[in-house]
Amino acid sequence: MSEDESPLQPGTERIMHAVVTGGAGFLGSHLVDSLLEDGFRVTVLDNYGSGREENLAHVESSRLTVQKHDVRDPFPEFKTVDVVYHMASRASPEDFTSHAVEIALTNSQGTKHALECARDHDARALIASTSEVYGNAGEHPQSETYNGNVNIRGPRAPYDESKRFSEALAVAYERKYEMDIRTARIFNTFGPRMDPNDGRVVPNFLTQALRGEDLTIYGDGSQTRSFCYVSDLIAGIRAIADAPAEVAAGDVFNVGNTEEISIQELTDVILDVVDTDSGMTYKPLPQDDPEVRRPDISKITSQFDWKPSISLRTGLKRTIPYFEQRLTDD
């Protein structure tokens, strides 16, 4: 039996096959765990640009196939596909300049190839978008109907604008080919398997605190964020992807935590949960850094009865051991 054939058992249904792009990444690998736990057969496509083989090293399942593949190229051939999760894309602010072209093409060409795969197999697709499509938001909290305030020529544009294009392309495919495509706009998420050198605020602060370095605050720290623990986020994505077509096809949903906190307040939480002598240092705010960020999740909550359950402090305590191990290994 080839790798892309589903095992058939007498008297049972065919095992559902999910293709996960970026499946060796932070979010992708947790999604793979969730799908395998629910009995899916999973094929991961990842070029390891930001993903890590180690993120899937714990998996011992014959239902997982991992292929090194760049989604900017057409997908491999599969016999059957039931759902495509397009999770691939560098998302670290550290990469927005150094890997700008790669990011833009991953979210344009890569999205096209993911949608073509879903179209070829009459499969549903879940497109991972981002809260960054809202830019420096003029609406707070941000709802799915807000069209955003994005600088199309700024340093964040290769990520922000390519994600916006990814959504536009998904809508075009859905309308032209009558496909079942759902979009998740992912807000700030943290947890184990996040890269300590990611460049986003939680890994920055945890890494600095664990090393005993001062925590770097950009601006005056008054800008706000809301942080969702990874298991909650994956549960939200699954709720969107698994919902019946009549309530989810062609729609977009915010996924994140609504507990808003300023960056200055976040330093206090970090310094409280990490045993450290770190202090704080201040640097200028990067260009186009959003002033506020908090999702309106009333849509996903009312339609799928989903809401996050893990508090920031609990999530940080679950994340710290992973960061301690990574810093030791590195």
C-alpha atoms as a PDB file:
ATOM      1  CA  MET A   1       0.000   0.000   0.000  1.00  0.00           C
ATOM      2  CA  SER A   2       1.424   3.397  -0.966  1.00  0.00           C
ATOM      3  CA  GLU A   3       1.774   6.197   1.563  1.00  0.00           C
ATOM      4  CA  ASP A   4      -1.174   8.141   0.192  1.00  0.00           C
ATOM      5  CA  GLU A   5      -3.671   5.277   0.313  1.00  0.00           C
ATOM      6  CA  SER A   6      -6.062   4.983   3.236  1.00  0.00           C
ATOM      7  CA  PRO A   7      -6.068   1.672   5.106  1.00  0.00           C
ATOM      8  CA  LEU A   8      -9.421  -0.032   4.656  1.00  0.00           C
ATOM      9  CA  GLN A   9     -10.926  -2.282   7.276  1.00  0.00           C
ATOM     10  CA  PRO A  10     -13.943  -4.536   6.600  1.00  0.00           C
ATOM     11  CA  GLY A  11     -17.102  -2.992   7.985  1.00  0.00           C
ATOM     12  CA  THR A  12     -15.489   0.400   8.744  1.00  0.00           C
ATOM     13  CA  GLU A  13     -15.387   3.755   7.009  1.00  0.00           C
ATOM     14  CA  ARG A  14     -12.350   5.028   5.133  1.00  0.00           C
ATOM     15  CA  ILE A  15      -9.962   6.960   7.349  1.00  0.00           C
ATOM     16  CA  MET A  16     -10.193  10.705   6.721  1.00  0.00           C
ATOM     17  CA  HIS A  17      -7.069  12.205   5.138  1.00  0.00           C
ATOM     18  CA  ALA A  18      -5.911  15.700   6.116  1.00  0.00           C
ATOM     19  CA  VAL A  19      -3.092  17.573   4.366  1.00  0.00           C
ATOM     20  CA  VAL A  20      -1.440  20.120   6.660  1.00  0.00           C
ATOM     21  CA  THR A  21       0.944  22.662   5.148  1.00  0.00           C
ATOM     22  CA  GLY A  22       3.455  23.988   7.666  1.00  0.00           C
ATOM     23  CA  GLY A  23       2.700  20.962   9.811  1.00  0.00           C
ATOM     24  CA  ALA A  24       6.145  20.991  11.421  1.00  0.00           C
ATOM     25  CA  GLY A  25       5.674  24.545  12.649  1.00  0.00           C
ATOM     26  CA  PHE A  26       4.487  25.822  16.015  1.00  0.00           C
ATOM     27  CA  LEU A  27       0.753  25.806  15.312  1.00  0.00           C
ATOM     28  CA  GLY A  28       0.878  23.201  12.568  1.00  0.00           C
ATOM     29  CA  SER A  29       2.468  20.528  14.746  1.00  0.00           C
ATOM     30  CA  HIS A  30      -0.153  20.993  17.469  1.00  0.00           C
ATOM     31  CA  LEU A  31      -2.856  20.723  14.811  1.00  0.00           C
ATOM     32  CA  VAL A  32      -1.280  17.474  13.596  1.00  0.00           C
ATOM     33  CA  ASP A  33      -1.427  16.104  17.151  1.00  0.00           C
ATOM     34  CA  SER A  34      -5.122  16.988  17.370  1.00  0.00           C
ATOM     35  CA  LEU A  35      -5.962  15.377  14.035  1.00  0.00           C
ATOM     36  CA  LEU A  36      -4.060  12.169  14.797  1.00  0.00           C
ATOM     37  CA  GLU A  37      -5.729  11.942  18.191  1.00  0.00           C
ATOM     38  CA  ASP A  38      -9.093  12.056  16.414  1.00  0.00           C
ATOM     39  CA  GLY A  39      -8.150   9.257  14.027  1.00  0.00           C
ATOM     40  CA  PHE A  40      -7.225  11.209  10.899  1.00  0.00           C
ATOM     41  CA  ARG A  41      -4.504  10.169   8.510  1.00  0.00           C
ATOM     42  CA  VAL A  42      -2.259  13.205   8.117  1.00  0.00           C
ATOM     43  CA  THR A  43       0.230  14.276   5.480  1.00  0.00           C
ATOM     44  CA  VAL A  44       2.503  17.163   6.455  1.00  0.00           C
ATOM     45  CA  LEU A  45       4.064  19.388   3.800  1.00  0.00           C
ATOM     46  CA  ASP A  46       6.828  21.602   5.194  1.00  0.00           C
ATOM     47  CA  ASN A  47      10.080  23.034   3.840  1.00  0.00           C
ATOM     48  CA  TYR A  48      11.406  23.627   7.391  1.00  0.00           C
ATOM     49  CA  GLY A  49      11.865  27.326   6.758  1.00  0.00           C
ATOM     50  CA  SER A  50      10.534  28.019  10.241  1.00  0.00           C
ATOM     51  CA  GLY A  51       9.215  24.584  11.175  1.00  0.00           C
ATOM     52  CA  ARG A  52      11.365  21.986  12.945  1.00  0.00           C
ATOM     53  CA  GLU A  53      11.562  18.225  12.495  1.00  0.00           C
ATOM     54  CA  GLU A  54      11.764  18.010  16.289  1.00  0.00           C
ATOM     55  CA  ASN A  55       8.218  19.363  16.576  1.00  0.00           C
ATOM     56  CA  LEU A  56       6.902  16.046  15.244  1.00  0.00           C
ATOM     57  CA  ALA A  57       9.603  13.750  16.632  1.00  0.00           C
ATOM     58  CA  HIS A  58       7.305  12.618  19.452  1.00  0.00           C
ATOM     59  CA  VAL A  59       4.703  11.204  17.057  1.00  0.00           C
ATOM     60  CA  GLU A  60       4.609   7.427  16.788  1.00  0.00           C
ATOM     61  CA  SER A  61       1.827   6.801  14.332  1.00  0.00           C
ATOM     62  CA  SER A  62       1.657   5.009  10.997  1.00  0.00           C
ATOM     63  CA  ARG A  63      -1.079   7.505  10.057  1.00  0.00           C
ATOM     64  CA  LEU A  64       1.439  10.362   9.781  1.00  0.00           C
ATOM     65  CA  THR A  65       3.438  11.045   6.628  1.00  0.00           C
ATOM     66  CA  VAL A  66       5.889  13.948   6.547  1.00  0.00           C
ATOM     67  CA  GLN A  67       7.151  15.268   3.220  1.00  0.00           C
ATOM     68  CA  LYS A  68       9.717  18.015   2.806  1.00  0.00           C
ATOM     69  CA  HIS A  69       7.981  20.291   0.358  1.00  0.00           C
ATOM     70  CA  ASP A  70       7.783  24.004  -0.405  1.00  0.00           C
ATOM     71  CA  VAL A  71       4.169  25.073  -0.898  1.00  0.00           C
ATOM     72  CA  ARG A  72       5.271  27.605  -3.487  1.00  0.00           C
ATOM     73  CA  ASP A  73       5.581  24.535  -5.729  1.00  0.00           C
ATOM     74  CA  PRO A  74       2.584  22.426  -6.837  1.00  0.00           C
ATOM     75  CA  PHE A  75       1.559  19.800  -4.304  1.00  0.00           C
ATOM     76  CA  PRO A  76       2.438  16.105  -4.606  1.00  0.00           C
ATOM     77  CA  GLU A  77      -0.201  13.767  -6.005  1.00  0.00           C
ATOM     78  CA  PHE A  78      -2.575  12.142  -3.529  1.00  0.00           C
ATOM     79  CA  LYS A  79      -5.167   9.441  -4.052  1.00  0.00           C
ATOM     80  CA  THR A  80      -7.690  11.058  -1.730  1.00  0.00           C
ATOM     81  CA  VAL A  81      -7.833  14.222   0.379  1.00  0.00           C
ATOM     82  CA  ASP A  82     -10.718  15.170   2.666  1.00  0.00           C
ATOM     83  CA  VAL A  83      -9.472  18.442   4.149  1.00  0.00           C
ATOM     84  CA  VAL A  84      -6.555  20.798   3.483  1.00  0.00           C
ATOM     85  CA  TYR A  85      -5.243  22.982   6.304  1.00  0.00           C
ATOM     86  CA  HIS A  86      -3.064  25.748   4.885  1.00  0.00           C
ATOM     87  CA  MET A  87      -0.954  26.712   7.912  1.00  0.00           C
ATOM     88  CA  ALA A  88       2.369  27.381   6.148  1.00  0.00           C
ATOM     89  CA  SER A  89       4.008  30.794   6.436  1.00  0.00           C
ATOM     90  CA  ARG A  90       6.745  32.413   8.411  1.00  0.00           C
ATOM     91  CA  ALA A  91       5.017  34.632  10.969  1.00  0.00           C
ATOM     92  CA  SER A  92       7.895  36.051  12.976  1.00  0.00           C
ATOM     93  CA  PRO A  93       8.426  39.821  12.748  1.00  0.00           C
ATOM     94  CA  GLU A  94      12.128  38.988  12.567  1.00  0.00           C
ATOM     95  CA  ASP A  95      11.462  37.435   9.131  1.00  0.00           C
ATOM     96  CA  PHE A  96       9.307  40.173   7.631  1.00  0.00           C
ATOM     97  CA  THR A  97      12.340  41.884   6.094  1.00  0.00           C
ATOM     98  CA  SER A  98      14.847  39.052   5.665  1.00  0.00           C
ATOM     99  CA  HIS A  99      12.309  36.650   4.108  1.00  0.00           C
ATOM    100  CA  ALA A 100       9.858  39.147   2.652  1.00  0.00           C
ATOM    101  CA  VAL A 101       9.585  37.592  -0.820  1.00  0.00           C
ATOM    102  CA  GLU A 102       9.284  34.052   0.541  1.00  0.00           C
ATOM    103  CA  ILE A 103       6.479  35.126   2.890  1.00  0.00           C
ATOM    104  CA  ALA A 104       4.590  36.963   0.161  1.00  0.00           C
ATOM    105  CA  LEU A 105       4.775  34.005  -2.218  1.00  0.00           C
ATOM    106  CA  THR A 106       3.928  31.413   0.436  1.00  0.00           C
ATOM    107  CA  ASN A 107       0.687  33.271   1.091  1.00  0.00           C
ATOM    108  CA  SER A 108      -0.097  33.778  -2.589  1.00  0.00           C
ATOM    109  CA  GLN A 109       1.325  30.910  -4.664  1.00  0.00           C
ATOM    110  CA  GLY A 110       1.171  28.624  -1.644  1.00  0.00           C
ATOM    111  CA  THR A 111      -2.476  29.445  -1.043  1.00  0.00           C
ATOM    112  CA  LYS A 112      -3.245  28.823  -4.713  1.00  0.00           C
ATOM    113  CA  HIS A 113      -1.628  25.377  -4.547  1.00  0.00           C
ATOM    114  CA  ALA A 114      -3.474  24.522  -1.335  1.00  0.00           C
ATOM    115  CA  LEU A 115      -6.776  25.539  -2.901  1.00  0.00           C
ATOM    116  CA  GLU A 116      -6.007  23.624  -6.100  1.00  0.00           C
ATOM    117  CA  CYS A 117      -5.333  20.514  -4.015  1.00  0.00           C
ATOM    118  CA  ALA A 118      -8.679  20.930  -2.259  1.00  0.00           C
ATOM    119  CA  ARG A 119     -10.410  21.577  -5.581  1.00  0.00           C
ATOM    120  CA  ASP A 120      -8.873  18.507  -7.242  1.00  0.00           C
ATOM    121  CA  HIS A 121     -10.177  16.268  -4.463  1.00  0.00           C
ATOM    122  CA  ASP A 122     -13.460  18.047  -3.726  1.00  0.00           C
ATOM    123  CA  ALA A 123     -12.093  18.594  -0.211  1.00  0.00           C
ATOM    124  CA  ARG A 124     -12.863  21.350   2.242  1.00  0.00           C
ATOM    125  CA  ALA A 125     -10.072  23.826   3.010  1.00  0.00           C
ATOM    126  CA  LEU A 126      -9.125  25.792   6.099  1.00  0.00           C
ATOM    127  CA  ILE A 127      -7.035  28.889   5.390  1.00  0.00           C
ATOM    128  CA  ALA A 128      -4.993  30.192   8.319  1.00  0.00           C
ATOM    129  CA  SER A 129      -5.169  33.970   8.188  1.00  0.00           C
ATOM    130  CA  THR A 130      -4.079  36.396  10.881  1.00  0.00           C
ATOM    131  CA  SER A 131      -5.127  39.337  13.008  1.00  0.00           C
ATOM    132  CA  GLU A 132      -2.471  41.272  11.088  1.00  0.00           C
ATOM    133  CA  VAL A 133      -4.991  41.738   8.275  1.00  0.00           C
ATOM    134  CA  TYR A 134      -6.498  44.414  10.563  1.00  0.00           C
ATOM    135  CA  GLY A 135      -3.208  46.365  10.683  1.00  0.00           C
ATOM    136  CA  ASN A 136      -3.071  49.273  13.138  1.00  0.00           C
ATOM    137  CA  ALA A 137      -6.755  48.892  13.793  1.00  0.00           C
ATOM    138  CA  GLY A 138      -9.165  51.800  13.952  1.00  0.00           C
ATOM    139  CA  GLU A 139     -11.818  49.482  15.406  1.00  0.00           C
ATOM    140  CA  HIS A 140     -11.468  47.918  18.856  1.00  0.00           C
ATOM    141  CA  PRO A 141     -12.034  45.082  19.467  1.00  0.00           C
ATOM    142  CA  GLN A 142     -11.645  43.874  15.903  1.00  0.00           C
ATOM    143  CA  SER A 143     -14.598  42.062  14.334  1.00  0.00           C
ATOM    144  CA  GLU A 144     -14.624  40.063  11.123  1.00  0.00           C
ATOM    145  CA  THR A 145     -16.471  42.870   9.322  1.00  0.00           C
ATOM    146  CA  TYR A 146     -13.653  45.391   9.906  1.00  0.00           C
ATOM    147  CA  ASN A 147     -11.584  45.829   6.733  1.00  0.00           C
ATOM    148  CA  GLY A 148      -8.404  46.943   8.457  1.00  0.00           C
ATOM    149  CA  ASN A 149      -5.826  49.716   8.321  1.00  0.00           C
ATOM    150  CA  VAL A 150      -2.686  48.289   6.723  1.00  0.00           C
ATOM    151  CA  ASN A 151       0.353  50.080   5.308  1.00  0.00           C
ATOM    152  CA  ILE A 152       0.796  48.304   1.982  1.00  0.00           C
ATOM    153  CA  ARG A 153       4.389  49.579   1.608  1.00  0.00           C
ATOM    154  CA  GLY A 154       5.560  49.192   5.192  1.00  0.00           C
ATOM    155  CA  PRO A 155       8.009  46.620   6.627  1.00  0.00           C
ATOM    156  CA  ARG A 156       5.163  44.324   7.715  1.00  0.00           C
ATOM    157  CA  ALA A 157       3.379  44.468   4.340  1.00  0.00           C
ATOM    158  CA  PRO A 158       4.811  41.233   2.833  1.00  0.00           C
ATOM    159  CA  TYR A 159       3.078  39.327   5.639  1.00  0.00           C
ATOM    160  CA  ASP A 160       0.005  41.494   6.255  1.00  0.00           C
ATOM    161  CA  GLU A 161      -0.889  42.069   2.622  1.00  0.00           C
ATOM    162  CA  SER A 162      -0.159  38.528   1.446  1.00  0.00           C
ATOM    163  CA  LYS A 163      -2.481  37.208   4.141  1.00  0.00           C
ATOM    164  CA  ARG A 164      -5.154  39.633   2.945  1.00  0.00           C
ATOM    165  CA  PHE A 165      -4.581  38.389  -0.611  1.00  0.00           C
ATOM    166  CA  SER A 166      -4.775  34.801   0.649  1.00  0.00           C
ATOM    167  CA  GLU A 167      -8.260  35.525   1.955  1.00  0.00           C
ATOM    168  CA  ALA A 168      -9.280  37.260  -1.281  1.00  0.00           C
ATOM    169  CA  LEU A 169      -8.053  34.304  -3.330  1.00  0.00           C
ATOM    170  CA  ALA A 170      -9.962  31.890  -1.108  1.00  0.00           C
ATOM    171  CA  VAL A 171     -13.154  33.867  -1.639  1.00  0.00           C
ATOM    172  CA  ALA A 172     -12.559  33.914  -5.405  1.00  0.00           C
ATOM    173  CA  TYR A 173     -12.091  30.124  -5.490  1.00  0.00           C
ATOM    174  CA  GLU A 174     -15.149  29.600  -3.325  1.00  0.00           C
ATOM    175  CA  ARG A 175     -17.329  31.694  -5.629  1.00  0.00           C
ATOM    176  CA  LYS A 176     -15.971  30.432  -8.944  1.00  0.00           C
ATOM    177  CA  TYR A 177     -15.675  26.740  -8.120  1.00  0.00           C
ATOM    178  CA  GLU A 178     -18.336  26.433  -5.394  1.00  0.00           C
ATOM    179  CA  MET A 179     -15.782  25.096  -2.931  1.00  0.00           C
ATOM    180  CA  ASP A 180     -16.064  24.678   0.828  1.00  0.00           C
ATOM    181  CA  ILE A 181     -13.415  27.052   2.203  1.00  0.00           C
ATOM    182  CA  ARG A 182     -13.244  28.387   5.757  1.00  0.00           C
ATOM    183  CA  THR A 183     -10.868  31.053   7.073  1.00  0.00           C
ATOM    184  CA  ALA A 184      -9.499  31.453  10.601  1.00  0.00           C
ATOM    185  CA  ARG A 185      -8.042  34.827  11.574  1.00  0.00           C
ATOM    186  CA  ILE A 186      -5.531  33.854  14.243  1.00  0.00           C
ATOM    187  CA  PHE A 187      -4.665  36.287  17.013  1.00  0.00           C
ATOM    188  CA  ASN A 188      -1.548  36.184  19.221  1.00  0.00           C
ATOM    189  CA  THR A 189      -0.919  32.609  20.301  1.00  0.00           C
ATOM    190  CA  PHE A 190       1.788  31.118  22.504  1.00  0.00           C
ATOM    191  CA  GLY A 191       2.843  27.778  23.941  1.00  0.00           C
ATOM    192  CA  PRO A 192       5.382  24.955  23.672  1.00  0.00           C
ATOM    193  CA  ARG A 193       7.211  24.560  20.321  1.00  0.00           C
ATOM    194  CA  MET A 194       7.290  28.307  19.771  1.00  0.00           C
ATOM    195  CA  ASP A 195      10.756  29.412  18.647  1.00  0.00           C
ATOM    196  CA  PRO A 196      12.579  31.255  21.467  1.00  0.00           C
ATOM    197  CA  ASN A 197      14.048  33.531  18.779  1.00  0.00           C
ATOM    198  CA  ASP A 198      10.679  34.144  17.170  1.00  0.00           C
ATOM    199  CA  GLY A 199      10.746  37.891  17.765  1.00  0.00           C
ATOM    200  CA  ARG A 200       7.244  38.147  19.167  1.00  0.00           C
ATOM    201  CA  VAL A 201       6.710  39.477  22.647  1.00  0.00           C
ATOM    202  CA  VAL A 202       6.004  36.291  24.660  1.00  0.00           C
ATOM    203  CA  PRO A 203       9.040  34.313  23.427  1.00  0.00           C
ATOM    204  CA  ASN A 204      11.162  37.466  23.677  1.00  0.00           C
ATOM    205  CA  PHE A 205      10.177  38.078  27.288  1.00  0.00           C
ATOM    206  CA  LEU A 206      10.427  34.417  28.342  1.00  0.00           C
ATOM    207  CA  THR A 207      13.856  34.014  26.744  1.00  0.00           C
ATOM    208  CA  GLN A 208      15.181  37.206  28.310  1.00  0.00           C
ATOM    209  CA  ALA A 209      13.737  36.392  31.730  1.00  0.00           C
ATOM    210  CA  LEU A 210      15.129  32.856  31.730  1.00  0.00           C
ATOM    211  CA  ARG A 211      18.563  34.217  30.784  1.00  0.00           C
ATOM    212  CA  GLY A 212      18.392  36.901  33.453  1.00  0.00           C
ATOM    213  CA  GLU A 213      18.441  39.665  30.856  1.00  0.00           C
ATOM    214  CA  ASP A 214      16.354  42.818  30.972  1.00  0.00           C
ATOM    215  CA  LEU A 215      13.013  42.547  29.193  1.00  0.00           C
ATOM    216  CA  THR A 216      12.937  44.778  26.106  1.00  0.00           C
ATOM    217  CA  ILE A 217       9.839  46.952  25.862  1.00  0.00           C
ATOM    218  CA  TYR A 218       9.248  48.734  22.570  1.00  0.00           C
ATOM    219  CA  GLY A 219       7.649  52.143  22.970  1.00  0.00           C
ATOM    220  CA  ASP A 220       6.236  52.977  26.385  1.00  0.00           C
ATOM    221  CA  GLY A 221       4.560  49.595  26.824  1.00  0.00           C
ATOM    222  CA  SER A 222       1.034  50.982  26.660  1.00  0.00           C
ATOM    223  CA  GLN A 223       0.206  49.055  23.464  1.00  0.00           C
ATOM    224  CA  THR A 224      -2.106  46.118  24.159  1.00  0.00           C
ATOM    225  CA  ARG A 225      -2.343  42.501  23.070  1.00  0.00           C
ATOM    226  CA  SER A 226      -4.415  39.442  23.970  1.00  0.00           C
ATOM    227  CA  PHE A 227      -2.722  36.062  24.198  1.00  0.00           C
ATOM    228  CA  CYS A 228      -4.301  32.680  23.453  1.00  0.00           C
ATOM    229  CA  TYR A 229      -2.758  29.427  24.650  1.00  0.00           C
ATOM    230  CA  VAL A 230      -2.064  27.029  21.798  1.00  0.00           C
ATOM    231  CA  SER A 231      -4.448  24.234  22.839  1.00  0.00           C
ATOM    232  CA  ASP A 232      -7.343  26.712  22.896  1.00  0.00           C
ATOM    233  CA  LEU A 233      -6.366  28.046  19.484  1.00  0.00           C
ATOM    234  CA  ILE A 234      -6.213  24.581  17.919  1.00  0.00           C
ATOM    235  CA  ALA A 235      -9.606  23.724  19.397  1.00  0.00           C
ATOM    236  CA  GLY A 236     -10.981  26.844  17.703  1.00  0.00           C
ATOM    237  CA  ILE A 237      -9.469  25.933  14.349  1.00  0.00           C
ATOM    238  CA  ARG A 238     -10.878  22.426  14.589  1.00  0.00           C
ATOM    239  CA  ALA A 239     -14.304  23.804  15.477  1.00  0.00           C
ATOM    240  CA  ILE A 240     -14.268  25.892  12.295  1.00  0.00           C
ATOM    241  CA  ALA A 241     -12.946  23.099  10.084  1.00  0.00           C
ATOM    242  CA  ASP A 242     -15.222  20.376  11.462  1.00  0.00           C
ATOM    243  CA  ALA A 243     -18.463  22.366  11.366  1.00  0.00           C
ATOM    244  CA  PRO A 244     -21.146  21.475   8.814  1.00  0.00           C
ATOM    245  CA  ALA A 245     -20.855  23.280   5.491  1.00  0.00           C
ATOM    246  CA  GLU A 246     -24.139  25.098   5.943  1.00  0.00           C
ATOM    247  CA  VAL A 247     -22.773  27.016   8.953  1.00  0.00           C
ATOM    248  CA  ALA A 248     -19.097  27.485   8.046  1.00  0.00           C
ATOM    249  CA  ALA A 249     -18.405  27.215   4.318  1.00  0.00           C
ATOM    250  CA  GLY A 250     -17.216  30.481   2.800  1.00  0.00           C
ATOM    251  CA  ASP A 251     -17.027  32.223   6.159  1.00  0.00           C
ATOM    252  CA  VAL A 252     -14.273  33.810   8.272  1.00  0.00           C
ATOM    253  CA  PHE A 253     -13.850  33.633  12.045  1.00  0.00           C
ATOM    254  CA  ASN A 254     -11.602  35.366  14.551  1.00  0.00           C
ATOM    255  CA  VAL A 255      -9.823  32.929  16.879  1.00  0.00           C
ATOM    256  CA  GLY A 256      -8.074  34.254  19.969  1.00  0.00           C
ATOM    257  CA  ASN A 257      -8.333  35.278  23.587  1.00  0.00           C
ATOM    258  CA  THR A 258     -10.245  38.390  24.611  1.00  0.00           C
ATOM    259  CA  GLU A 259      -8.280  39.074  27.816  1.00  0.00           C
ATOM    260  CA  GLU A 260      -6.471  42.277  26.832  1.00  0.00           C
ATOM    261  CA  ILE A 261      -3.243  43.265  28.555  1.00  0.00           C
ATOM    262  CA  SER A 262      -0.710  46.024  27.976  1.00  0.00           C
ATOM    263  CA  ILE A 263       2.876  45.104  27.202  1.00  0.00           C
ATOM    264  CA  GLN A 264       3.940  46.846  30.417  1.00  0.00           C
ATOM    265  CA  GLU A 265       1.504  44.697  32.402  1.00  0.00           C
ATOM    266  CA  LEU A 266       2.765  41.597  30.594  1.00  0.00           C
ATOM    267  CA  THR A 267       6.287  42.246  31.897  1.00  0.00           C
ATOM    268  CA  ASP A 268       4.903  42.163  35.437  1.00  0.00           C
ATOM    269  CA  VAL A 269       3.268  38.787  34.794  1.00  0.00           C
ATOM    270  CA  ILE A 270       6.440  37.355  33.232  1.00  0.00           C
ATOM    271  CA  LEU A 271       8.616  38.565  36.087  1.00  0.00           C
ATOM    272  CA  ASP A 272       6.155  37.004  38.520  1.00  0.00           C
ATOM    273  CA  VAL A 273       6.005  33.527  36.943  1.00  0.00           C
ATOM    274  CA  VAL A 274       9.718  33.258  36.079  1.00  0.00           C
ATOM    275  CA  ASP A 275      12.315  33.091  38.831  1.00  0.00           C
ATOM    276  CA  THR A 276      14.583  35.855  37.551  1.00  0.00           C
ATOM    277  CA  ASP A 277      16.382  39.064  38.479  1.00  0.00           C
ATOM    278  CA  SER A 278      15.578  40.642  35.113  1.00  0.00           C
ATOM    279  CA  GLY A 279      14.625  44.279  34.878  1.00  0.00           C
ATOM    280  CA  MET A 280      13.264  46.263  31.944  1.00  0.00           C
ATOM    281  CA  THR A 281      14.751  48.317  29.146  1.00  0.00           C
ATOM    282  CA  TYR A 282      13.003  50.486  26.547  1.00  0.00           C
ATOM    283  CA  LYS A 283      13.548  50.868  22.794  1.00  0.00           C
ATOM    284  CA  PRO A 284      11.706  52.805  20.054  1.00  0.00           C
ATOM    285  CA  LEU A 285       8.466  51.310  18.774  1.00  0.00           C
ATOM    286  CA  PRO A 286       8.911  49.591  15.380  1.00  0.00           C
ATOM    287  CA  GLN A 287       7.149  51.084  12.364  1.00  0.00           C
ATOM    288  CA  ASP A 288       3.497  50.035  11.937  1.00  0.00           C
ATOM    289  CA  ASP A 289       3.445  48.120  15.237  1.00  0.00           C
ATOM    290  CA  PRO A 290      -0.270  47.884  16.173  1.00  0.00           C
ATOM    291  CA  GLU A 291      -1.354  50.001  19.141  1.00  0.00           C
ATOM    292  CA  VAL A 292      -4.164  47.664  20.179  1.00  0.00           C
ATOM    293  CA  ARG A 293      -5.082  44.083  19.401  1.00  0.00           C
ATOM    294  CA  ARG A 294      -8.079  42.172  20.791  1.00  0.00           C
ATOM    295  CA  PRO A 295     -10.500  39.964  18.877  1.00  0.00           C
ATOM    296  CA  ASP A 296     -14.236  40.095  18.874  1.00  0.00           C
ATOM    297  CA  ILE A 297     -14.967  36.358  19.095  1.00  0.00           C
ATOM    298  CA  SER A 298     -18.739  36.617  19.454  1.00  0.00           C
ATOM    299  CA  LYS A 299     -19.187  35.000  16.033  1.00  0.00           C
ATOM    300  CA  ILE A 300     -17.242  31.788  16.695  1.00  0.00           C
ATOM    301  CA  THR A 301     -18.600  31.618  20.242  1.00  0.00           C
ATOM    302  CA  SER A 302     -22.234  31.909  19.199  1.00  0.00           C
ATOM    303  CA  GLN A 303     -21.969  29.567  16.210  1.00  0.00           C
ATOM    304  CA  PHE A 304     -19.678  26.855  17.611  1.00  0.00           C
ATOM    305  CA  ASP A 305     -19.782  27.416  21.370  1.00  0.00           C
ATOM    306  CA  TRP A 306     -15.995  27.895  21.391  1.00  0.00           C
ATOM    307  CA  LYS A 307     -14.081  30.156  23.730  1.00  0.00           C
ATOM    308  CA  PRO A 308     -10.607  29.955  25.286  1.00  0.00           C
ATOM    309  CA  SER A 309     -10.286  28.407  28.725  1.00  0.00           C
ATOM    310  CA  ILE A 310      -6.565  28.643  29.571  1.00  0.00           C
ATOM    311  CA  SER A 311      -5.495  31.801  31.414  1.00  0.00           C
ATOM    312  CA  LEU A 312      -2.330  33.700  30.520  1.00  0.00           C
ATOM    313  CA  ARG A 313      -0.579  32.680  33.736  1.00  0.00           C
ATOM    314  CA  THR A 314      -1.529  29.018  33.358  1.00  0.00           C
ATOM    315  CA  GLY A 315      -0.392  29.003  29.752  1.00  0.00           C
ATOM    316  CA  LEU A 316       2.925  30.618  30.616  1.00  0.00           C
ATOM    317  CA  LYS A 317       3.583  28.047  33.344  1.00  0.00           C
ATOM    318  CA  ARG A 318       2.936  25.280  30.803  1.00  0.00           C
ATOM    319  CA  THR A 319       5.244  26.956  28.277  1.00  0.00           C
ATOM    320  CA  ILE A 320       8.241  27.758  30.492  1.00  0.00           C
ATOM    321  CA  PRO A 321       9.606  24.167  30.722  1.00  0.00           C
ATOM    322  CA  TYR A 322       9.795  23.973  26.927  1.00  0.00           C
ATOM    323  CA  PHE A 323      11.703  27.253  26.718  1.00  0.00           C
ATOM    324  CA  GLU A 324      14.044  26.143  29.500  1.00  0.00           C
ATOM    325  CA  GLN A 325      14.814  22.958  27.576  1.00  0.00           C
ATOM    326  CA  ARG A 326      15.303  24.759  24.257  1.00  0.00           C
ATOM    327  CA  LEU A 327      17.664  27.299  25.813  1.00  0.00           C
ATOM    328  CA  THR A 328      19.642  24.461  27.394  1.00  0.00           C
ATOM    329  CA  ASP A 329      19.834  22.518  24.126  1.00  0.00           C
ATOM    330  CA  ASP A 330      20.823  25.596  22.107  1.00  0.00           C
END
